[in-house]
Amino acid sequence: VKTVSGNPASFHIKHHIVMEAKRLAIWE
């Protein structure tokens, strides 16, 4: 994952959760 994106797998998991949290806060 880091080879392709420059970030470890945990980075993508955490940021996906946070983005969903922001969506729920703003849009819902």
PDB file of all heavy atoms in Angstrom:
ATOM      1  N   VAL A   1       0.836  -1.204   0.000  1.00  0.00           N
ATOM      2  CA  VAL A   1       0.000   0.000   0.000  1.00  0.00           C
ATOM      3  C   VAL A   1       0.870   1.253   0.000  1.00  0.00           C
ATOM      4  O   VAL A   1       0.600   2.220  -0.725  1.00  0.00           O
ATOM      5  CB  VAL A   1      -0.956   0.001   1.217  1.00  0.00           C
ATOM      6  CG1 VAL A   1      -1.653   1.353   1.356  1.00  0.00           C
ATOM      7  CG2 VAL A   1      -1.987  -1.109   1.073  1.00  0.00           C
ATOM      8  N   LYS A   2       1.927   1.241   0.798  1.00  0.00           N
ATOM      9  CA  LYS A   2       2.818   2.394   0.864  1.00  0.00           C
ATOM     10  C   LYS A   2       3.586   2.580  -0.434  1.00  0.00           C
ATOM     11  O   LYS A   2       3.859   3.715  -0.854  1.00  0.00           O
ATOM     12  CB  LYS A   2       3.793   2.241   2.032  1.00  0.00           C
ATOM     13  CG  LYS A   2       4.552   3.524   2.344  1.00  0.00           C
ATOM     14  CD  LYS A   2       5.317   3.426   3.657  1.00  0.00           C
ATOM     15  CE  LYS A   2       5.980   4.752   3.994  1.00  0.00           C
ATOM     16  NZ  LYS A   2       6.687   4.697   5.292  1.00  0.00           N
ATOM     17  N   THR A   3       3.926   1.488  -1.107  1.00  0.00           N
ATOM     18  CA  THR A   3       4.631   1.567  -2.389  1.00  0.00           C
ATOM     19  C   THR A   3       3.791   2.306  -3.430  1.00  0.00           C
ATOM     20  O   THR A   3       4.291   3.118  -4.206  1.00  0.00           O
ATOM     21  CB  THR A   3       4.970   0.157  -2.913  1.00  0.00           C
ATOM     22  OG1 THR A   3       5.843  -0.493  -1.987  1.00  0.00           O
ATOM     23  CG2 THR A   3       5.648   0.230  -4.279  1.00  0.00           C
ATOM     24  N   VAL A   4       2.491   2.040  -3.437  1.00  0.00           N
ATOM     25  CA  VAL A   4       1.589   2.643  -4.427  1.00  0.00           C
ATOM     26  C   VAL A   4       1.175   4.059  -4.032  1.00  0.00           C
ATOM     27  O   VAL A   4       1.173   4.970  -4.866  1.00  0.00           O
ATOM     28  CB  VAL A   4       0.334   1.762  -4.620  1.00  0.00           C
ATOM     29  CG1 VAL A   4      -0.663   2.455  -5.562  1.00  0.00           C
ATOM     30  CG2 VAL A   4       0.715   0.398  -5.167  1.00  0.00           C
ATOM     31  N   SER A   5       0.836   4.253  -2.762  1.00  0.00           N
ATOM     32  CA  SER A   5       0.218   5.519  -2.346  1.00  0.00           C
ATOM     33  C   SER A   5       1.135   6.457  -1.573  1.00  0.00           C
ATOM     34  O   SER A   5       0.825   7.639  -1.432  1.00  0.00           O
ATOM     35  CB  SER A   5      -1.013   5.226  -1.484  1.00  0.00           C
ATOM     36  OG  SER A   5      -0.628   4.666  -0.231  1.00  0.00           O
ATOM     37  N   GLY A   6       2.223   5.920  -1.041  1.00  0.00           N
ATOM     38  CA  GLY A   6       3.097   6.757  -0.227  1.00  0.00           C
ATOM     39  C   GLY A   6       2.706   6.783   1.233  1.00  0.00           C
ATOM     40  O   GLY A   6       3.370   7.413   2.061  1.00  0.00           O
ATOM     41  N   ASN A   7       1.597   6.115   1.572  1.00  0.00           N
ATOM     42  CA  ASN A   7       1.111   6.058   2.950  1.00  0.00           C
ATOM     43  C   ASN A   7       0.801   4.613   3.339  1.00  0.00           C
ATOM     44  O   ASN A   7       0.391   3.818   2.484  1.00  0.00           O
ATOM     45  CB  ASN A   7      -0.160   6.894   3.116  1.00  0.00           C
ATOM     46  CG  ASN A   7       0.096   8.384   2.937  1.00  0.00           C
ATOM     47  OD1 ASN A   7       0.838   8.993   3.701  1.00  0.00           O
ATOM     48  ND2 ASN A   7      -0.500   8.974   1.913  1.00  0.00           N
ATOM     49  N   PRO A   8       0.964   4.272   4.623  1.00  0.00           N
ATOM     50  CA  PRO A   8       0.662   2.905   5.056  1.00  0.00           C
ATOM     51  C   PRO A   8      -0.828   2.620   5.034  1.00  0.00           C
ATOM     52  O   PRO A   8      -1.650   3.533   4.903  1.00  0.00           O
ATOM     53  CB  PRO A   8       1.217   2.875   6.487  1.00  0.00           C
ATOM     54  CG  PRO A   8       1.145   4.292   6.945  1.00  0.00           C
ATOM     55  CD  PRO A   8       1.466   5.116   5.723  1.00  0.00           C
ATOM     56  N   ALA A   9      -1.163   1.358   5.174  1.00  0.00           N
ATOM     57  CA  ALA A   9      -2.569   0.947   5.122  1.00  0.00           C
ATOM     58  C   ALA A   9      -3.395   1.621   6.207  1.00  0.00           C
ATOM     59  O   ALA A   9      -4.550   2.001   5.980  1.00  0.00           O
ATOM     60  CB  ALA A   9      -2.664  -0.575   5.241  1.00  0.00           C
ATOM     61  N   SER A  10      -2.826   1.794   7.395  1.00  0.00           N
ATOM     62  CA  SER A  10      -3.561   2.409   8.499  1.00  0.00           C
ATOM     63  C   SER A  10      -4.005   3.831   8.165  1.00  0.00           C
ATOM     64  O   SER A  10      -5.069   4.284   8.603  1.00  0.00           O
ATOM     65  CB  SER A  10      -2.707   2.415   9.776  1.00  0.00           C
ATOM     66  OG  SER A  10      -1.487   3.121   9.554  1.00  0.00           O
ATOM     67  N   PHE A  11      -3.188   4.555   7.390  1.00  0.00           N
ATOM     68  CA  PHE A  11      -3.529   5.916   6.989  1.00  0.00           C
ATOM     69  C   PHE A  11      -4.847   5.928   6.219  1.00  0.00           C
ATOM     70  O   PHE A  11      -5.734   6.755   6.471  1.00  0.00           O
ATOM     71  CB  PHE A  11      -2.411   6.494   6.111  1.00  0.00           C
ATOM     72  CG  PHE A  11      -2.732   7.827   5.479  1.00  0.00           C
ATOM     73  CD1 PHE A  11      -2.435   9.010   6.129  1.00  0.00           C
ATOM     74  CD2 PHE A  11      -3.334   7.887   4.224  1.00  0.00           C
ATOM     75  CE1 PHE A  11      -2.729  10.242   5.551  1.00  0.00           C
ATOM     76  CE2 PHE A  11      -3.630   9.101   3.636  1.00  0.00           C
ATOM     77  CZ  PHE A  11      -3.334  10.283   4.296  1.00  0.00           C
ATOM     78  N   HIS A  12      -5.001   5.016   5.266  1.00  0.00           N
ATOM     79  CA  HIS A  12      -6.206   4.970   4.439  1.00  0.00           C
ATOM     80  C   HIS A  12      -7.433   4.571   5.251  1.00  0.00           C
ATOM     81  O   HIS A  12      -8.532   5.106   5.036  1.00  0.00           O
ATOM     82  CB  HIS A  12      -5.994   4.006   3.276  1.00  0.00           C
ATOM     83  CG  HIS A  12      -4.927   4.445   2.334  1.00  0.00           C
ATOM     84  ND1 HIS A  12      -5.152   5.352   1.316  1.00  0.00           N
ATOM     85  CD2 HIS A  12      -3.608   4.121   2.261  1.00  0.00           C
ATOM     86  CE1 HIS A  12      -4.028   5.572   0.654  1.00  0.00           C
ATOM     87  NE2 HIS A  12      -3.077   4.830   1.204  1.00  0.00           N
ATOM     88  N   ILE A  13      -7.247   3.640   6.171  1.00  0.00           N
ATOM     89  CA  ILE A  13      -8.365   3.221   7.012  1.00  0.00           C
ATOM     90  C   ILE A  13      -8.851   4.385   7.868  1.00  0.00           C
ATOM     91  O   ILE A  13     -10.047   4.695   7.926  1.00  0.00           O
ATOM     92  CB  ILE A  13      -7.951   2.040   7.911  1.00  0.00           C
ATOM     93  CG1 ILE A  13      -7.560   0.827   7.065  1.00  0.00           C
ATOM     94  CG2 ILE A  13      -9.100   1.667   8.856  1.00  0.00           C
ATOM     95  CD1 ILE A  13      -6.917  -0.303   7.860  1.00  0.00           C
ATOM     96  N   LYS A  14      -7.913   5.055   8.541  1.00  0.00           N
ATOM     97  CA  LYS A  14      -8.263   6.165   9.432  1.00  0.00           C
ATOM     98  C   LYS A  14      -8.914   7.317   8.677  1.00  0.00           C
ATOM     99  O   LYS A  14      -9.916   7.892   9.126  1.00  0.00           O
ATOM    100  CB  LYS A  14      -7.022   6.656  10.168  1.00  0.00           C
ATOM    101  CG  LYS A  14      -6.462   5.669  11.172  1.00  0.00           C
ATOM    102  CD  LYS A  14      -5.171   6.194  11.788  1.00  0.00           C
ATOM    103  CE  LYS A  14      -4.591   5.206  12.786  1.00  0.00           C
ATOM    104  NZ  LYS A  14      -3.301   5.684  13.349  1.00  0.00           N
ATOM    105  N   HIS A  15      -8.337   7.674   7.529  1.00  0.00           N
ATOM    106  CA  HIS A  15      -8.868   8.817   6.793  1.00  0.00           C
ATOM    107  C   HIS A  15     -10.217   8.507   6.139  1.00  0.00           C
ATOM    108  O   HIS A  15     -11.036   9.415   5.957  1.00  0.00           O
ATOM    109  CB  HIS A  15      -7.846   9.285   5.753  1.00  0.00           C
ATOM    110  CG  HIS A  15      -6.763  10.126   6.338  1.00  0.00           C
ATOM    111  ND1 HIS A  15      -6.796  11.500   6.340  1.00  0.00           N
ATOM    112  CD2 HIS A  15      -5.624   9.785   6.996  1.00  0.00           C
ATOM    113  CE1 HIS A  15      -5.730  11.976   6.955  1.00  0.00           C
ATOM    114  NE2 HIS A  15      -4.999  10.959   7.358  1.00  0.00           N
ATOM    115  N   HIS A  16     -10.449   7.256   5.811  1.00  0.00           N
ATOM    116  CA  HIS A  16     -11.764   6.898   5.283  1.00  0.00           C
ATOM    117  C   HIS A  16     -12.816   7.023   6.387  1.00  0.00           C
ATOM    118  O   HIS A  16     -13.924   7.518   6.148  1.00  0.00           O
ATOM    119  CB  HIS A  16     -11.748   5.464   4.733  1.00  0.00           C
ATOM    120  CG  HIS A  16     -12.850   5.198   3.771  1.00  0.00           C
ATOM    121  ND1 HIS A  16     -12.639   4.972   2.425  1.00  0.00           N
ATOM    122  CD2 HIS A  16     -14.190   5.152   3.941  1.00  0.00           C
ATOM    123  CE1 HIS A  16     -13.790   4.787   1.822  1.00  0.00           C
ATOM    124  NE2 HIS A  16     -14.752   4.891   2.722  1.00  0.00           N
ATOM    125  N   ILE A  17     -12.466   6.586   7.597  1.00  0.00           N
ATOM    126  CA  ILE A  17     -13.395   6.702   8.725  1.00  0.00           C
ATOM    127  C   ILE A  17     -13.688   8.174   9.026  1.00  0.00           C
ATOM    128  O   ILE A  17     -14.844   8.559   9.235  1.00  0.00           O
ATOM    129  CB  ILE A  17     -12.798   6.015   9.970  1.00  0.00           C
ATOM    130  CG1 ILE A  17     -12.704   4.503   9.741  1.00  0.00           C
ATOM    131  CG2 ILE A  17     -13.656   6.302  11.203  1.00  0.00           C
ATOM    132  CD1 ILE A  17     -11.920   3.768  10.818  1.00  0.00           C
ATOM    133  N   VAL A  18     -12.649   8.995   9.040  1.00  0.00           N
ATOM    134  CA  VAL A  18     -12.818  10.421   9.332  1.00  0.00           C
ATOM    135  C   VAL A  18     -13.652  11.113   8.257  1.00  0.00           C
ATOM    136  O   VAL A  18     -14.514  11.944   8.563  1.00  0.00           O
ATOM    137  CB  VAL A  18     -11.447  11.115   9.482  1.00  0.00           C
ATOM    138  CG1 VAL A  18     -11.597  12.626   9.425  1.00  0.00           C
ATOM    139  CG2 VAL A  18     -10.802  10.713  10.792  1.00  0.00           C
ATOM    140  N   MET A  19     -13.400  10.776   6.981  1.00  0.00           N
ATOM    141  CA  MET A  19     -14.191  11.391   5.915  1.00  0.00           C
ATOM    142  C   MET A  19     -15.662  11.029   6.057  1.00  0.00           C
ATOM    143  O   MET A  19     -16.551  11.872   5.873  1.00  0.00           O
ATOM    144  CB  MET A  19     -13.671  10.945   4.544  1.00  0.00           C
ATOM    145  CG  MET A  19     -14.472  11.496   3.368  1.00  0.00           C
ATOM    146  SD  MET A  19     -14.643  13.309   3.383  1.00  0.00           S
ATOM    147  CE  MET A  19     -12.976  13.794   2.953  1.00  0.00           C
ATOM    148  N   GLU A  20     -15.936   9.781   6.411  1.00  0.00           N
ATOM    149  CA  GLU A  20     -17.325   9.377   6.610  1.00  0.00           C
ATOM    150  C   GLU A  20     -17.931  10.113   7.798  1.00  0.00           C
ATOM    151  O   GLU A  20     -19.103  10.516   7.757  1.00  0.00           O
ATOM    152  CB  GLU A  20     -17.412   7.870   6.829  1.00  0.00           C
ATOM    153  CG  GLU A  20     -18.825   7.332   6.955  1.00  0.00           C
ATOM    154  CD  GLU A  20     -19.655   7.512   5.692  1.00  0.00           C
ATOM    155  OE1 GLU A  20     -19.066   7.748   4.604  1.00  0.00           O
ATOM    156  OE2 GLU A  20     -20.897   7.418   5.778  1.00  0.00           O
ATOM    157  N   ALA A  21     -17.148  10.322   8.846  1.00  0.00           N
ATOM    158  CA  ALA A  21     -17.627  11.067  10.014  1.00  0.00           C
ATOM    159  C   ALA A  21     -17.990  12.494   9.617  1.00  0.00           C
ATOM    160  O   ALA A  21     -19.009  13.038  10.055  1.00  0.00           O
ATOM    161  CB  ALA A  21     -16.556  11.069  11.102  1.00  0.00           C
ATOM    162  N   LYS A  22     -17.171  13.118   8.788  1.00  0.00           N
ATOM    163  CA  LYS A  22     -17.443  14.481   8.330  1.00  0.00           C
ATOM    164  C   LYS A  22     -18.711  14.522   7.476  1.00  0.00           C
ATOM    165  O   LYS A  22     -19.512  15.456   7.580  1.00  0.00           O
ATOM    166  CB  LYS A  22     -16.251  15.002   7.525  1.00  0.00           C
ATOM    167  CG  LYS A  22     -15.010  15.263   8.369  1.00  0.00           C
ATOM    168  CD  LYS A  22     -13.848  15.739   7.505  1.00  0.00           C
ATOM    169  CE  LYS A  22     -12.617  16.050   8.344  1.00  0.00           C
ATOM    170  NZ  LYS A  22     -11.469  16.506   7.507  1.00  0.00           N
ATOM    171  N   ARG A  23     -18.873  13.512   6.639  1.00  0.00           N
ATOM    172  CA  ARG A  23     -20.088  13.454   5.814  1.00  0.00           C
ATOM    173  C   ARG A  23     -21.332  13.354   6.692  1.00  0.00           C
ATOM    174  O   ARG A  23     -22.337  14.044   6.467  1.00  0.00           O
ATOM    175  CB  ARG A  23     -20.023  12.252   4.870  1.00  0.00           C
ATOM    176  CG  ARG A  23     -18.993  12.368   3.767  1.00  0.00           C
ATOM    177  CD  ARG A  23     -18.830  11.040   3.073  1.00  0.00           C
ATOM    178  NE  ARG A  23     -17.844  11.085   1.999  1.00  0.00           N
ATOM    179  CZ  ARG A  23     -17.260  10.019   1.474  1.00  0.00           C
ATOM    180  NH1 ARG A  23     -17.537   8.822   1.937  1.00  0.00           N
ATOM    181  NH2 ARG A  23     -16.388  10.146   0.499  1.00  0.00           N
ATOM    182  N   LEU A  24     -21.266  12.474   7.683  1.00  0.00           N
ATOM    183  CA  LEU A  24     -22.416  12.287   8.573  1.00  0.00           C
ATOM    184  C   LEU A  24     -22.717  13.551   9.368  1.00  0.00           C
ATOM    185  O   LEU A  24     -23.882  13.887   9.603  1.00  0.00           O
ATOM    186  CB  LEU A  24     -22.140  11.121   9.527  1.00  0.00           C
ATOM    187  CG  LEU A  24     -22.075   9.730   8.893  1.00  0.00           C
ATOM    188  CD1 LEU A  24     -21.622   8.696   9.922  1.00  0.00           C
ATOM    189  CD2 LEU A  24     -23.419   9.335   8.298  1.00  0.00           C
ATOM    190  N   ALA A  25     -21.664  14.262   9.768  1.00  0.00           N
ATOM    191  CA  ALA A  25     -21.859  15.480  10.548  1.00  0.00           C
ATOM    192  C   ALA A  25     -22.459  16.599   9.720  1.00  0.00           C
ATOM    193  O   ALA A  25     -23.384  17.296  10.162  1.00  0.00           O
ATOM    194  CB  ALA A  25     -20.518  15.926  11.140  1.00  0.00           C
ATOM    195  N   ILE A  26     -21.948  16.759   8.510  1.00  0.00           N
ATOM    196  CA  ILE A  26     -22.362  17.892   7.679  1.00  0.00           C
ATOM    197  C   ILE A  26     -23.654  17.617   6.926  1.00  0.00           C
ATOM    198  O   ILE A  26     -24.587  18.433   6.931  1.00  0.00           O
ATOM    199  CB  ILE A  26     -21.245  18.248   6.683  1.00  0.00           C
ATOM    200  CG1 ILE A  26     -20.004  18.720   7.451  1.00  0.00           C
ATOM    201  CG2 ILE A  26     -21.704  19.329   5.704  1.00  0.00           C
ATOM    202  CD1 ILE A  26     -18.783  18.899   6.591  1.00  0.00           C
ATOM    203  N   TRP A  27     -23.725  16.453   6.289  1.00  0.00           N
ATOM    204  CA  TRP A  27     -24.848  16.186   5.405  1.00  0.00           C
ATOM    205  C   TRP A  27     -26.032  15.524   6.106  1.00  0.00           C
ATOM    206  O   TRP A  27     -27.174  15.704   5.712  1.00  0.00           O
ATOM    207  CB  TRP A  27     -24.407  15.343   4.226  1.00  0.00           C
ATOM    208  CG  TRP A  27     -23.319  15.990   3.429  1.00  0.00           C
ATOM    209  CD1 TRP A  27     -21.982  15.683   3.464  1.00  0.00           C
ATOM    210  CD2 TRP A  27     -23.450  17.061   2.489  1.00  0.00           C
ATOM    211  NE1 TRP A  27     -21.281  16.503   2.612  1.00  0.00           N
ATOM    212  CE2 TRP A  27     -22.153  17.351   1.997  1.00  0.00           C
ATOM    213  CE3 TRP A  27     -24.537  17.805   2.021  1.00  0.00           C
ATOM    214  CZ2 TRP A  27     -21.909  18.353   1.057  1.00  0.00           C
ATOM    215  CZ3 TRP A  27     -24.295  18.799   1.084  1.00  0.00           C
ATOM    216  CH2 TRP A  27     -23.000  19.056   0.615  1.00  0.00           C
ATOM    217  N   GLU A  28     -25.742  14.748   7.165  1.00  0.00           N
ATOM    218  CA  GLU A  28     -26.825  14.084   7.889  1.00  0.00           C
ATOM    219  C   GLU A  28     -27.154  14.798   9.204  1.00  0.00           C
ATOM    220  O   GLU A  28     -28.098  14.437   9.893  1.00  0.00           O
ATOM    221  CB  GLU A  28     -26.436  12.627   8.188  1.00  0.00           C
ATOM    222  CG  GLU A  28     -26.125  11.787   6.959  1.00  0.00           C
ATOM    223  CD  GLU A  28     -27.329  11.592   6.063  1.00  0.00           C
ATOM    224  OE1 GLU A  28     -28.471  11.628   6.592  1.00  0.00           O
ATOM    225  OE2 GLU A  28     -27.141  11.413   4.844  1.00  0.00           O
TER     226      GLU A  28
END
